[in-house]
Amino acid sequence: MRRPIRIEAWSDWRRYNIPELPIEPGQADVGITVYPYRMQYSDADKQYNVANAEAAIRTYLNGDDSRWQRVWWDVADND
């Protein structure tokens, strides 16, 4: 998976509500109109901590470990 921005920079952007970042020209063509709401659980978490990772995904993310699934504390739109 391509990681265009590091998790720390992404977290700061979300936490401080920095002004809108432009969507790159090719991204809108494939349906991407907002930046991700969260980072997915890592493969290592899913491989070595299976029970807890699955429980967290089921309990806090409604069973959806996608970047587009909001976490419980996320109430602001990022579009």
N, C-alpha and C. Protein backbone atom coordinates (compact mmCIF):
# COMPACT_ATOMS: atom_id res chain seq x y z
N MET A 1 0.83 -1.18 0.00
CA MET A 1 0.00 0.00 0.00
C MET A 1 0.88 1.25 0.00
N ARG A 2 0.57 2.17 -0.83
CA ARG A 2 1.32 3.42 -0.91
C ARG A 2 0.95 4.32 0.26
N ARG A 3 1.93 4.85 0.93
CA ARG A 3 1.69 5.75 2.05
C ARG A 3 2.22 7.15 1.69
N PRO A 4 1.36 8.01 1.14
CA PRO A 4 1.83 9.32 0.69
C PRO A 4 2.25 10.25 1.81
N ILE A 5 1.66 10.13 3.00
CA ILE A 5 2.08 10.95 4.13
C ILE A 5 2.28 10.03 5.33
N ARG A 6 3.26 10.34 6.13
CA ARG A 6 3.54 9.53 7.31
C ARG A 6 2.44 9.69 8.35
N ILE A 7 2.31 8.70 9.21
CA ILE A 7 1.23 8.70 10.19
C ILE A 7 1.31 9.89 11.14
N GLU A 8 2.52 10.34 11.51
CA GLU A 8 2.62 11.49 12.41
C GLU A 8 2.10 12.76 11.75
N ALA A 9 2.48 12.98 10.50
CA ALA A 9 2.00 14.17 9.79
C ALA A 9 0.50 14.09 9.59
N TRP A 10 0.01 12.93 9.25
CA TRP A 10 -1.43 12.74 9.06
C TRP A 10 -2.17 13.00 10.37
N SER A 11 -1.64 12.49 11.48
CA SER A 11 -2.28 12.69 12.79
C SER A 11 -2.31 14.16 13.17
N ASP A 12 -1.21 14.88 12.92
CA ASP A 12 -1.19 16.31 13.20
C ASP A 12 -2.21 17.05 12.35
N TRP A 13 -2.31 16.69 11.09
CA TRP A 13 -3.27 17.32 10.20
C TRP A 13 -4.69 17.12 10.72
N ARG A 14 -5.01 15.91 11.17
CA ARG A 14 -6.35 15.63 11.70
C ARG A 14 -6.57 16.34 13.04
N ARG A 15 -5.59 16.30 13.93
CA ARG A 15 -5.74 16.86 15.27
C ARG A 15 -5.90 18.38 15.26
N TYR A 16 -5.11 19.06 14.45
CA TYR A 16 -5.11 20.52 14.46
C TYR A 16 -6.06 21.14 13.43
N ASN A 17 -6.77 20.31 12.69
CA ASN A 17 -7.74 20.79 11.72
C ASN A 17 -7.10 21.80 10.75
N ILE A 18 -5.95 21.42 10.25
CA ILE A 18 -5.21 22.26 9.30
C ILE A 18 -6.07 22.45 8.06
N PRO A 19 -5.98 23.61 7.41
CA PRO A 19 -6.81 23.85 6.23
C PRO A 19 -6.71 22.73 5.20
N GLU A 20 -7.70 22.70 4.37
CA GLU A 20 -7.86 21.64 3.37
C GLU A 20 -6.59 21.41 2.56
N LEU A 21 -6.25 20.16 2.38
CA LEU A 21 -5.16 19.77 1.50
C LEU A 21 -5.75 19.44 0.14
N PRO A 22 -5.10 19.84 -0.93
CA PRO A 22 -5.67 19.55 -2.25
C PRO A 22 -5.60 18.07 -2.59
N ILE A 23 -6.63 17.58 -3.25
CA ILE A 23 -6.63 16.22 -3.77
C ILE A 23 -5.83 16.25 -5.06
N GLU A 24 -4.93 15.31 -5.24
CA GLU A 24 -4.11 15.27 -6.45
C GLU A 24 -4.98 15.02 -7.68
N PRO A 25 -4.58 15.52 -8.85
CA PRO A 25 -5.42 15.43 -10.05
C PRO A 25 -5.95 14.03 -10.37
N GLY A 26 -5.15 13.00 -10.28
CA GLY A 26 -5.61 11.66 -10.63
C GLY A 26 -6.50 11.00 -9.59
N GLN A 27 -6.49 11.49 -8.36
CA GLN A 27 -7.25 10.86 -7.29
C GLN A 27 -8.75 11.02 -7.48
N ALA A 28 -9.19 12.18 -7.91
CA ALA A 28 -10.63 12.40 -8.09
C ALA A 28 -11.18 11.50 -9.18
N ASP A 29 -10.34 11.11 -10.14
CA ASP A 29 -10.78 10.24 -11.23
C ASP A 29 -11.16 8.85 -10.75
N VAL A 30 -10.62 8.41 -9.62
CA VAL A 30 -10.92 7.07 -9.11
C VAL A 30 -11.85 7.13 -7.90
N GLY A 31 -12.49 8.27 -7.69
CA GLY A 31 -13.49 8.37 -6.64
C GLY A 31 -12.98 8.84 -5.29
N ILE A 32 -11.72 9.19 -5.18
CA ILE A 32 -11.19 9.67 -3.91
C ILE A 32 -11.44 11.17 -3.83
N THR A 33 -12.29 11.58 -2.91
CA THR A 33 -12.62 13.00 -2.77
C THR A 33 -12.28 13.54 -1.39
N VAL A 34 -11.92 12.67 -0.44
CA VAL A 34 -11.51 13.10 0.89
C VAL A 34 -10.30 12.27 1.30
N TYR A 35 -9.56 12.78 2.27
CA TYR A 35 -8.45 12.02 2.81
C TYR A 35 -8.98 11.00 3.82
N PRO A 36 -8.23 9.93 4.07
CA PRO A 36 -8.69 8.89 4.99
C PRO A 36 -9.01 9.43 6.38
N TYR A 37 -9.98 8.78 7.02
CA TYR A 37 -10.36 9.15 8.39
C TYR A 37 -9.43 8.52 9.42
N ARG A 38 -8.83 7.40 9.09
CA ARG A 38 -7.99 6.69 10.06
C ARG A 38 -6.99 5.82 9.32
N MET A 39 -5.97 5.36 10.03
CA MET A 39 -5.03 4.39 9.48
C MET A 39 -5.53 3.00 9.85
N GLN A 40 -5.33 2.07 8.95
CA GLN A 40 -5.77 0.70 9.20
C GLN A 40 -4.83 0.03 10.20
N TYR A 41 -5.34 -1.01 10.85
CA TYR A 41 -4.47 -1.81 11.71
C TYR A 41 -3.40 -2.45 10.83
N SER A 42 -2.20 -2.53 11.35
CA SER A 42 -1.09 -3.08 10.56
C SER A 42 -1.25 -4.59 10.39
N ASP A 43 -0.58 -5.12 9.39
CA ASP A 43 -0.58 -6.57 9.18
C ASP A 43 0.01 -7.28 10.39
N ALA A 44 1.01 -6.67 11.03
CA ALA A 44 1.62 -7.28 12.21
C ALA A 44 0.59 -7.39 13.34
N ASP A 45 -0.20 -6.34 13.54
CA ASP A 45 -1.25 -6.40 14.57
C ASP A 45 -2.22 -7.53 14.28
N LYS A 46 -2.61 -7.64 13.04
CA LYS A 46 -3.58 -8.67 12.66
C LYS A 46 -2.98 -10.07 12.73
N GLN A 47 -1.68 -10.18 12.50
CA GLN A 47 -1.04 -11.50 12.50
C GLN A 47 -0.66 -11.96 13.90
N TYR A 48 -0.11 -11.07 14.71
CA TYR A 48 0.42 -11.48 16.01
C TYR A 48 -0.50 -11.18 17.19
N ASN A 49 -1.56 -10.43 16.95
CA ASN A 49 -2.49 -10.08 18.02
C ASN A 49 -3.92 -10.26 17.49
N VAL A 50 -4.15 -11.42 16.92
CA VAL A 50 -5.39 -11.70 16.18
C VAL A 50 -6.64 -11.42 16.99
N ALA A 51 -6.74 -11.98 18.17
CA ALA A 51 -7.96 -11.85 18.97
C ALA A 51 -8.28 -10.40 19.30
N ASN A 52 -7.27 -9.66 19.76
CA ASN A 52 -7.51 -8.27 20.13
C ASN A 52 -7.77 -7.38 18.92
N ALA A 53 -7.05 -7.61 17.83
CA ALA A 53 -7.28 -6.81 16.62
C ALA A 53 -8.69 -7.04 16.10
N GLU A 54 -9.11 -8.30 16.03
CA GLU A 54 -10.47 -8.60 15.56
C GLU A 54 -11.53 -8.02 16.49
N ALA A 55 -11.29 -8.09 17.80
CA ALA A 55 -12.25 -7.53 18.75
C ALA A 55 -12.36 -6.02 18.61
N ALA A 56 -11.23 -5.35 18.44
CA ALA A 56 -11.25 -3.89 18.28
C ALA A 56 -11.95 -3.49 16.99
N ILE A 57 -11.67 -4.19 15.91
CA ILE A 57 -12.31 -3.89 14.63
C ILE A 57 -13.82 -4.11 14.73
N ARG A 58 -14.20 -5.19 15.35
CA ARG A 58 -15.63 -5.50 15.49
C ARG A 58 -16.33 -4.50 16.42
N THR A 59 -15.71 -4.17 17.54
CA THR A 59 -16.34 -3.33 18.55
C THR A 59 -16.33 -1.84 18.20
N TYR A 60 -15.18 -1.35 17.77
CA TYR A 60 -15.04 0.10 17.58
C TYR A 60 -15.19 0.57 16.14
N LEU A 61 -15.11 -0.37 15.19
CA LEU A 61 -15.16 0.04 13.78
C LEU A 61 -16.29 -0.64 13.02
N ASN A 62 -17.23 -1.22 13.73
CA ASN A 62 -18.37 -1.91 13.10
C ASN A 62 -17.93 -2.97 12.10
N GLY A 63 -16.80 -3.62 12.40
CA GLY A 63 -16.31 -4.71 11.55
C GLY A 63 -15.63 -4.27 10.28
N ASP A 64 -15.36 -2.99 10.12
CA ASP A 64 -14.78 -2.47 8.88
C ASP A 64 -13.43 -1.81 9.17
N ASP A 65 -12.34 -2.47 8.81
CA ASP A 65 -11.00 -1.93 9.04
C ASP A 65 -10.52 -1.16 7.81
N SER A 66 -11.35 -0.28 7.29
CA SER A 66 -10.94 0.50 6.12
C SER A 66 -10.53 1.90 6.55
N ARG A 67 -9.82 2.58 5.68
CA ARG A 67 -9.39 3.95 5.96
C ARG A 67 -10.56 4.92 5.98
N TRP A 68 -11.68 4.50 5.43
CA TRP A 68 -12.84 5.39 5.31
C TRP A 68 -13.83 5.22 6.46
N GLN A 69 -13.56 4.31 7.38
CA GLN A 69 -14.42 4.08 8.54
C GLN A 69 -14.00 5.02 9.66
N ARG A 70 -14.93 5.78 10.17
CA ARG A 70 -14.60 6.71 11.25
C ARG A 70 -14.40 5.97 12.57
N VAL A 71 -13.53 6.51 13.40
CA VAL A 71 -13.36 5.99 14.75
C VAL A 71 -14.36 6.68 15.66
N TRP A 72 -14.56 6.17 16.85
CA TRP A 72 -15.63 6.64 17.72
C TRP A 72 -15.53 8.11 18.08
N TRP A 73 -14.31 8.65 18.16
CA TRP A 73 -14.15 10.04 18.58
C TRP A 73 -14.17 11.04 17.42
N ASP A 74 -14.22 10.56 16.20
CA ASP A 74 -14.15 11.42 15.02
C ASP A 74 -15.53 11.98 14.69
N VAL A 75 -15.71 13.26 14.89
CA VAL A 75 -17.01 13.88 14.62
C VAL A 75 -16.94 14.94 13.52
N ALA A 76 -15.74 15.30 13.08
CA ALA A 76 -15.59 16.36 12.07
C ALA A 76 -15.41 15.76 10.68
N ASP A 77 -16.06 16.36 9.70
CA ASP A 77 -15.84 15.95 8.32
C ASP A 77 -14.46 16.42 7.87
N ASN A 78 -13.87 15.68 6.96
CA ASN A 78 -12.57 16.11 6.44
C ASN A 78 -12.66 16.43 4.96
N ASP A 79 -13.84 16.77 4.50
CA ASP A 79 -13.97 17.14 3.09
C ASP A 79 -14.18 18.62 2.92
